[in-house]
Amino acid sequence: MSGERIFSEGELRKYDGDTGPMYVACNGIVYDVSDCPHWRTGLHENLHFPGQELSNEIVNAPHTLEVFHRPCVRRVGQLR
């Protein structure tokens, strides 16, 4: 998408929920998961922390990429 923010992996790591929103990336897309019930504790299913790139983890997840289309998830940029 044109006009989207571009994140480096270092920038993504800053969005860990400590003092602001929680972002994760998957397949080059950065998502805000701050409002998602499974991320409210700052740890998703006792496995994943916000601020991470999760492409390698999605293959072992009990859900598909469809999870990123849920109403609580918001696309915020691209990971480079």
PDB file of N, CA and C in Angstrom:
ATOM      1  N   MET A   1       0.849  -1.192   0.000  1.00  0.00           N
ATOM      2  CA  MET A   1       0.000   0.000   0.000  1.00  0.00           C
ATOM      3  C   MET A   1       0.882   1.239   0.000  1.00  0.00           C
ATOM      4  N   SER A   2       0.549   2.157  -0.828  1.00  0.00           N
ATOM      5  CA  SER A   2       1.308   3.396  -0.918  1.00  0.00           C
ATOM      6  C   SER A   2       1.071   4.266   0.317  1.00  0.00           C
ATOM      7  N   GLY A   3       2.122   4.924   0.774  1.00  0.00           N
ATOM      8  CA  GLY A   3       1.992   5.806   1.921  1.00  0.00           C
ATOM      9  C   GLY A   3       2.087   5.116   3.264  1.00  0.00           C
ATOM     10  N   GLU A   4       2.288   3.823   3.263  1.00  0.00           N
ATOM     11  CA  GLU A   4       2.418   3.104   4.522  1.00  0.00           C
ATOM     12  C   GLU A   4       3.789   3.362   5.144  1.00  0.00           C
ATOM     13  N   ARG A   5       3.842   3.252   6.429  1.00  0.00           N
ATOM     14  CA  ARG A   5       5.106   3.383   7.138  1.00  0.00           C
ATOM     15  C   ARG A   5       5.961   2.152   6.874  1.00  0.00           C
ATOM     16  N   ILE A   6       7.248   2.376   6.719  1.00  0.00           N
ATOM     17  CA  ILE A   6       8.200   1.285   6.536  1.00  0.00           C
ATOM     18  C   ILE A   6       8.955   1.108   7.856  1.00  0.00           C
ATOM     19  N   PHE A   7       8.968  -0.117   8.369  1.00  0.00           N
ATOM     20  CA  PHE A   7       9.622  -0.446   9.637  1.00  0.00           C
ATOM     21  C   PHE A   7      10.864  -1.292   9.377  1.00  0.00           C
ATOM     22  N   SER A   8      11.916  -1.036  10.106  1.00  0.00           N
ATOM     23  CA  SER A   8      13.047  -1.958  10.158  1.00  0.00           C
ATOM     24  C   SER A   8      12.740  -2.945  11.282  1.00  0.00           C
ATOM     25  N   GLU A   9      13.506  -4.028  11.370  1.00  0.00           N
ATOM     26  CA  GLU A   9      13.279  -4.968  12.465  1.00  0.00           C
ATOM     27  C   GLU A   9      13.560  -4.312  13.812  1.00  0.00           C
ATOM     28  N   GLY A  10      14.531  -3.413  13.859  1.00  0.00           N
ATOM     29  CA  GLY A  10      14.841  -2.688  15.089  1.00  0.00           C
ATOM     30  C   GLY A  10      13.694  -1.804  15.527  1.00  0.00           C
ATOM     31  N   GLU A  11      13.058  -1.138  14.566  1.00  0.00           N
ATOM     32  CA  GLU A  11      11.909  -0.289  14.889  1.00  0.00           C
ATOM     33  C   GLU A  11      10.739  -1.134  15.370  1.00  0.00           C
ATOM     34  N   LEU A  12      10.509  -2.264  14.719  1.00  0.00           N
ATOM     35  CA  LEU A  12       9.419  -3.159  15.111  1.00  0.00           C
ATOM     36  C   LEU A  12       9.575  -3.601  16.563  1.00  0.00           C
ATOM     37  N   ARG A  13      10.790  -3.914  16.981  1.00  0.00           N
ATOM     38  CA  ARG A  13      11.036  -4.380  18.358  1.00  0.00           C
ATOM     39  C   ARG A  13      10.626  -3.350  19.411  1.00  0.00           C
ATOM     40  N   LYS A  14      10.580  -2.090  19.050  1.00  0.00           N
ATOM     41  CA  LYS A  14      10.184  -1.033  19.992  1.00  0.00           C
ATOM     42  C   LYS A  14       8.692  -1.093  20.326  1.00  0.00           C
ATOM     43  N   TYR A  15       7.915  -1.737  19.473  1.00  0.00           N
ATOM     44  CA  TYR A  15       6.461  -1.812  19.672  1.00  0.00           C
ATOM     45  C   TYR A  15       6.098  -3.092  20.420  1.00  0.00           C
ATOM     46  N   ASP A  16       6.613  -3.177  21.632  1.00  0.00           N
ATOM     47  CA  ASP A  16       6.431  -4.377  22.452  1.00  0.00           C
ATOM     48  C   ASP A  16       5.351  -4.230  23.518  1.00  0.00           C
ATOM     49  N   GLY A  17       4.633  -3.114  23.498  1.00  0.00           N
ATOM     50  CA  GLY A  17       3.545  -2.908  24.443  1.00  0.00           C
ATOM     51  C   GLY A  17       3.960  -2.326  25.770  1.00  0.00           C
ATOM     52  N   ASP A  18       5.255  -2.165  26.024  1.00  0.00           N
ATOM     53  CA  ASP A  18       5.700  -1.624  27.315  1.00  0.00           C
ATOM     54  C   ASP A  18       5.188  -0.213  27.556  1.00  0.00           C
ATOM     55  N   THR A  19       5.327   0.641  26.572  1.00  0.00           N
ATOM     56  CA  THR A  19       4.891   2.037  26.736  1.00  0.00           C
ATOM     57  C   THR A  19       4.000   2.499  25.598  1.00  0.00           C
ATOM     58  N   GLY A  20       3.579   1.600  24.774  1.00  0.00           N
ATOM     59  CA  GLY A  20       2.741   1.973  23.635  1.00  0.00           C
ATOM     60  C   GLY A  20       2.088   0.752  23.026  1.00  0.00           C
ATOM     61  N   PRO A  21       1.762   0.832  21.749  1.00  0.00           N
ATOM     62  CA  PRO A  21       1.057  -0.267  21.092  1.00  0.00           C
ATOM     63  C   PRO A  21       1.928  -1.505  20.900  1.00  0.00           C
ATOM     64  N   MET A  22       1.253  -2.613  20.596  1.00  0.00           N
ATOM     65  CA  MET A  22       1.912  -3.883  20.313  1.00  0.00           C
ATOM     66  C   MET A  22       1.780  -4.170  18.822  1.00  0.00           C
ATOM     67  N   TYR A  23       2.923  -4.288  18.162  1.00  0.00           N
ATOM     68  CA  TYR A  23       2.949  -4.609  16.742  1.00  0.00           C
ATOM     69  C   TYR A  23       3.658  -5.944  16.546  1.00  0.00           C
ATOM     70  N   VAL A  24       3.211  -6.667  15.521  1.00  0.00           N
ATOM     71  CA  VAL A  24       3.905  -7.866  15.058  1.00  0.00           C
ATOM     72  C   VAL A  24       3.951  -7.781  13.537  1.00  0.00           C
ATOM     73  N   ALA A  25       4.864  -8.539  12.956  1.00  0.00           N
ATOM     74  CA  ALA A  25       4.951  -8.592  11.501  1.00  0.00           C
ATOM     75  C   ALA A  25       4.815 -10.033  11.043  1.00  0.00           C
ATOM     76  N   CYS A  26       4.278 -10.183   9.858  1.00  0.00           N
ATOM     77  CA  CYS A  26       4.171 -11.495   9.237  1.00  0.00           C
ATOM     78  C   CYS A  26       4.186 -11.292   7.730  1.00  0.00           C
ATOM     79  N   ASN A  27       5.068 -12.010   7.062  1.00  0.00           N
ATOM     80  CA  ASN A  27       5.192 -11.935   5.604  1.00  0.00           C
ATOM     81  C   ASN A  27       5.364 -10.508   5.102  1.00  0.00           C
ATOM     82  N   GLY A  28       6.142  -9.728   5.814  1.00  0.00           N
ATOM     83  CA  GLY A  28       6.461  -8.375   5.379  1.00  0.00           C
ATOM     84  C   GLY A  28       5.459  -7.305   5.730  1.00  0.00           C
ATOM     85  N   ILE A  29       4.377  -7.659   6.403  1.00  0.00           N
ATOM     86  CA  ILE A  29       3.348  -6.703   6.793  1.00  0.00           C
ATOM     87  C   ILE A  29       3.388  -6.528   8.308  1.00  0.00           C
ATOM     88  N   VAL A  30       3.286  -5.279   8.763  1.00  0.00           N
ATOM     89  CA  VAL A  30       3.282  -4.980  10.196  1.00  0.00           C
ATOM     90  C   VAL A  30       1.842  -4.709  10.632  1.00  0.00           C
ATOM     91  N   TYR A  31       1.451  -5.346  11.733  1.00  0.00           N
ATOM     92  CA  TYR A  31       0.086  -5.245  12.250  1.00  0.00           C
ATOM     93  C   TYR A  31       0.096  -4.752  13.693  1.00  0.00           C
ATOM     94  N   ASP A  32      -0.903  -3.961  14.029  1.00  0.00           N
ATOM     95  CA  ASP A  32      -1.147  -3.547  15.412  1.00  0.00           C
ATOM     96  C   ASP A  32      -2.116  -4.561  16.007  1.00  0.00           C
ATOM     97  N   VAL A  33      -1.676  -5.262  17.049  1.00  0.00           N
ATOM     98  CA  VAL A  33      -2.504  -6.278  17.707  1.00  0.00           C
ATOM     99  C   VAL A  33      -2.893  -5.853  19.129  1.00  0.00           C
ATOM    100  N   SER A  34      -2.730  -4.583  19.426  1.00  0.00           N
ATOM    101  CA  SER A  34      -2.972  -4.066  20.781  1.00  0.00           C
ATOM    102  C   SER A  34      -4.366  -4.356  21.311  1.00  0.00           C
ATOM    103  N   ASP A  35      -5.358  -4.361  20.436  1.00  0.00           N
ATOM    104  CA  ASP A  35      -6.748  -4.548  20.869  1.00  0.00           C
ATOM    105  C   ASP A  35      -7.212  -6.001  20.815  1.00  0.00           C
ATOM    106  N   CYS A  36      -6.332  -6.913  20.505  1.00  0.00           N
ATOM    107  CA  CYS A  36      -6.712  -8.319  20.371  1.00  0.00           C
ATOM    108  C   CYS A  36      -6.680  -9.034  21.720  1.00  0.00           C
ATOM    109  N   PRO A  37      -7.748  -9.731  22.061  1.00  0.00           N
ATOM    110  CA  PRO A  37      -7.821 -10.409  23.353  1.00  0.00           C
ATOM    111  C   PRO A  37      -6.650 -11.354  23.635  1.00  0.00           C
ATOM    112  N   HIS A  38      -6.160 -12.049  22.614  1.00  0.00           N
ATOM    113  CA  HIS A  38      -5.077 -13.009  22.830  1.00  0.00           C
ATOM    114  C   HIS A  38      -3.716 -12.350  22.998  1.00  0.00           C
ATOM    115  N   TRP A  39      -3.654 -11.033  22.853  1.00  0.00           N
ATOM    116  CA  TRP A  39      -2.398 -10.299  23.050  1.00  0.00           C
ATOM    117  C   TRP A  39      -2.454  -9.386  24.271  1.00  0.00           C
ATOM    118  N   ARG A  40      -3.572  -9.302  24.947  1.00  0.00           N
ATOM    119  CA  ARG A  40      -3.736  -8.327  26.046  1.00  0.00           C
ATOM    120  C   ARG A  40      -2.700  -8.446  27.148  1.00  0.00           C
ATOM    121  N   THR A  41      -2.208  -9.631  27.393  1.00  0.00           N
ATOM    122  CA  THR A  41      -1.204  -9.800  28.453  1.00  0.00           C
ATOM    123  C   THR A  41       0.203  -9.451  27.969  1.00  0.00           C
ATOM    124  N   GLY A  42       0.348  -9.192  26.677  1.00  0.00           N
ATOM    125  CA  GLY A  42       1.657  -8.913  26.113  1.00  0.00           C
ATOM    126  C   GLY A  42       2.410 -10.164  25.717  1.00  0.00           C
ATOM    127  N   LEU A  43       1.749 -11.301  25.823  1.00  0.00           N
ATOM    128  CA  LEU A  43       2.335 -12.583  25.425  1.00  0.00           C
ATOM    129  C   LEU A  43       1.223 -13.419  24.807  1.00  0.00           C
ATOM    130  N   HIS A  44       1.390 -13.770  23.561  1.00  0.00           N
ATOM    131  CA  HIS A  44       0.364 -14.518  22.839  1.00  0.00           C
ATOM    132  C   HIS A  44       0.554 -16.019  23.040  1.00  0.00           C
ATOM    133  N   GLU A  45      -0.409 -16.627  23.681  1.00  0.00           N
ATOM    134  CA  GLU A  45      -0.431 -18.078  23.920  1.00  0.00           C
ATOM    135  C   GLU A  45       0.859 -18.583  24.583  1.00  0.00           C
ATOM    136  N   ASN A  46       1.439 -17.756  25.433  1.00  0.00           N
ATOM    137  CA  ASN A  46       2.677 -18.098  26.141  1.00  0.00           C
ATOM    138  C   ASN A  46       3.838 -18.444  25.214  1.00  0.00           C
ATOM    139  N   LEU A  47       3.769 -17.949  23.967  1.00  0.00           N
ATOM    140  CA  LEU A  47       4.806 -18.267  22.983  1.00  0.00           C
ATOM    141  C   LEU A  47       5.416 -17.054  22.292  1.00  0.00           C
ATOM    142  N   HIS A  48       4.604 -16.059  22.023  1.00  0.00           N
ATOM    143  CA  HIS A  48       5.042 -14.965  21.153  1.00  0.00           C
ATOM    144  C   HIS A  48       4.922 -13.610  21.838  1.00  0.00           C
ATOM    145  N   PHE A  49       5.990 -12.849  21.730  1.00  0.00           N
ATOM    146  CA  PHE A  49       6.013 -11.500  22.274  1.00  0.00           C
ATOM    147  C   PHE A  49       5.735 -10.495  21.169  1.00  0.00           C
ATOM    148  N   PRO A  50       5.092  -9.381  21.484  1.00  0.00           N
ATOM    149  CA  PRO A  50       4.931  -8.330  20.480  1.00  0.00           C
ATOM    150  C   PRO A  50       6.291  -7.741  20.129  1.00  0.00           C
ATOM    151  N   GLY A  51       6.365  -7.117  18.963  1.00  0.00           N
ATOM    152  CA  GLY A  51       7.606  -6.537  18.487  1.00  0.00           C
ATOM    153  C   GLY A  51       8.425  -7.521  17.669  1.00  0.00           C
ATOM    154  N   GLN A  52       7.824  -8.669  17.347  1.00  0.00           N
ATOM    155  CA  GLN A  52       8.542  -9.712  16.622  1.00  0.00           C
ATOM    156  C   GLN A  52       7.993  -9.924  15.218  1.00  0.00           C
ATOM    157  N   GLU A  53       8.833 -10.506  14.385  1.00  0.00           N
ATOM    158  CA  GLU A  53       8.456 -10.961  13.051  1.00  0.00           C
ATOM    159  C   GLU A  53       8.064 -12.426  13.206  1.00  0.00           C
ATOM    160  N   LEU A  54       6.851 -12.791  12.837  1.00  0.00           N
ATOM    161  CA  LEU A  54       6.309 -14.117  13.136  1.00  0.00           C
ATOM    162  C   LEU A  54       6.096 -15.018  11.922  1.00  0.00           C
ATOM    163  N   SER A  55       6.668 -14.682  10.785  1.00  0.00           N
ATOM    164  CA  SER A  55       6.441 -15.479   9.567  1.00  0.00           C
ATOM    165  C   SER A  55       6.796 -16.946   9.744  1.00  0.00           C
ATOM    166  N   ASN A  56       7.885 -17.231  10.411  1.00  0.00           N
ATOM    167  CA  ASN A  56       8.295 -18.625  10.603  1.00  0.00           C
ATOM    168  C   ASN A  56       7.421 -19.364  11.608  1.00  0.00           C
ATOM    169  N   GLU A  57       6.684 -18.623  12.419  1.00  0.00           N
ATOM    170  CA  GLU A  57       5.847 -19.231  13.453  1.00  0.00           C
ATOM    171  C   GLU A  57       4.439 -19.573  12.957  1.00  0.00           C
ATOM    172  N   ILE A  58       3.981 -18.895  11.930  1.00  0.00           N
ATOM    173  CA  ILE A  58       2.590 -19.053  11.485  1.00  0.00           C
ATOM    174  C   ILE A  58       2.312 -20.478  10.994  1.00  0.00           C
ATOM    175  N   VAL A  59       3.312 -21.173  10.483  1.00  0.00           N
ATOM    176  CA  VAL A  59       3.095 -22.538   9.989  1.00  0.00           C
ATOM    177  C   VAL A  59       2.740 -23.502  11.117  1.00  0.00           C
ATOM    178  N   ASN A  60       3.140 -23.187  12.332  1.00  0.00           N
ATOM    179  CA  ASN A  60       2.833 -24.043  13.486  1.00  0.00           C
ATOM    180  C   ASN A  60       1.626 -23.557  14.285  1.00  0.00           C
ATOM    181  N   ALA A  61       1.033 -22.467  13.854  1.00  0.00           N
ATOM    182  CA  ALA A  61      -0.099 -21.892  14.587  1.00  0.00           C
ATOM    183  C   ALA A  61      -1.382 -22.680  14.309  1.00  0.00           C
ATOM    184  N   PRO A  62      -2.315 -22.652  15.241  1.00  0.00           N
ATOM    185  CA  PRO A  62      -3.594 -23.336  15.032  1.00  0.00           C
ATOM    186  C   PRO A  62      -4.546 -22.541  14.145  1.00  0.00           C
ATOM    187  N   HIS A  63      -4.064 -21.426  13.599  1.00  0.00           N
ATOM    188  CA  HIS A  63      -4.870 -20.592  12.708  1.00  0.00           C
ATOM    189  C   HIS A  63      -4.046 -20.278  11.466  1.00  0.00           C
ATOM    190  N   THR A  64      -4.680 -19.709  10.458  1.00  0.00           N
ATOM    191  CA  THR A  64      -4.008 -19.328   9.222  1.00  0.00           C
ATOM    192  C   THR A  64      -3.752 -17.827   9.220  1.00  0.00           C
ATOM    193  N   LEU A  65      -3.277 -17.308   8.124  1.00  0.00           N
ATOM    194  CA  LEU A  65      -3.060 -15.871   7.980  1.00  0.00           C
ATOM    195  C   LEU A  65      -4.356 -15.074   8.090  1.00  0.00           C
ATOM    196  N   GLU A  66      -5.478 -15.764   8.026  1.00  0.00           N
ATOM    197  CA  GLU A  66      -6.787 -15.110   8.176  1.00  0.00           C
ATOM    198  C   GLU A  66      -6.883 -14.358   9.505  1.00  0.00           C
ATOM    199  N   VAL A  67      -6.114 -14.779  10.488  1.00  0.00           N
ATOM    200  CA  VAL A  67      -6.135 -14.138  11.797  1.00  0.00           C
ATOM    201  C   VAL A  67      -5.801 -12.641  11.683  1.00  0.00           C
ATOM    202  N   PHE A  68      -5.030 -12.260  10.676  1.00  0.00           N
ATOM    203  CA  PHE A  68      -4.653 -10.863  10.509  1.00  0.00           C
ATOM    204  C   PHE A  68      -5.753 -10.019   9.866  1.00  0.00           C
ATOM    205  N   HIS A  69      -6.864 -10.654   9.530  1.00  0.00           N
ATOM    206  CA  HIS A  69      -8.012  -9.934   8.975  1.00  0.00           C
ATOM    207  C   HIS A  69      -9.135  -9.742   9.997  1.00  0.00           C
ATOM    208  N   ARG A  70      -8.873 -10.116  11.226  1.00  0.00           N
ATOM    209  CA  ARG A  70      -9.877  -9.945  12.284  1.00  0.00           C
ATOM    210  C   ARG A  70     -10.034  -8.461  12.632  1.00  0.00           C
ATOM    211  N   PRO A  71     -11.202  -8.080  13.134  1.00  0.00           N
ATOM    212  CA  PRO A  71     -11.462  -6.666  13.434  1.00  0.00           C
ATOM    213  C   PRO A  71     -10.500  -6.038  14.445  1.00  0.00           C
ATOM    214  N   CYS A  72      -9.915  -6.830  15.325  1.00  0.00           N
ATOM    215  CA  CYS A  72      -9.018  -6.273  16.336  1.00  0.00           C
ATOM    216  C   CYS A  72      -7.610  -6.019  15.800  1.00  0.00           C
ATOM    217  N   VAL A  73      -7.320  -6.487  14.606  1.00  0.00           N
ATOM    218  CA  VAL A  73      -5.995  -6.330  14.000  1.00  0.00           C
ATOM    219  C   VAL A  73      -6.043  -5.197  12.983  1.00  0.00           C
ATOM    220  N   ARG A  74      -4.996  -4.359  13.013  1.00  0.00           N
ATOM    221  CA  ARG A  74      -4.941  -3.245  12.075  1.00  0.00           C
ATOM    222  C   ARG A  74      -3.582  -3.234  11.387  1.00  0.00           C
ATOM    223  N   ARG A  75      -3.607  -3.207  10.075  1.00  0.00           N
ATOM    224  CA  ARG A  75      -2.372  -3.114   9.293  1.00  0.00           C
ATOM    225  C   ARG A  75      -1.802  -1.698   9.462  1.00  0.00           C
ATOM    226  N   VAL A  76      -0.507  -1.615   9.793  1.00  0.00           N
ATOM    227  CA  VAL A  76       0.096  -0.303  10.027  1.00  0.00           C
ATOM    228  C   VAL A  76       1.308  -0.027   9.158  1.00  0.00           C
ATOM    229  N   GLY A  77       1.809  -1.007   8.423  1.00  0.00           N
ATOM    230  CA  GLY A  77       2.957  -0.739   7.576  1.00  0.00           C
ATOM    231  C   GLY A  77       3.589  -1.996   7.005  1.00  0.00           C
ATOM    232  N   GLN A  78       4.818  -1.794   6.534  1.00  0.00           N
ATOM    233  CA  GLN A  78       5.588  -2.872   5.928  1.00  0.00           C
ATOM    234  C   GLN A  78       6.925  -3.020   6.637  1.00  0.00           C
ATOM    235  N   LEU A  79       7.422  -4.245   6.665  1.00  0.00           N
ATOM    236  CA  LEU A  79       8.716  -4.522   7.273  1.00  0.00           C
ATOM    237  C   LEU A  79       9.750  -4.656   6.168  1.00  0.00           C
ATOM    238  N   ARG A  80      10.846  -3.957   6.314  1.00  0.00           N
ATOM    239  CA  ARG A  80      11.950  -4.028   5.310  1.00  0.00           C
ATOM    240  C   ARG A  80      13.190  -4.545   5.944  1.00  0.00           C
TER     241      ARG A  80
END
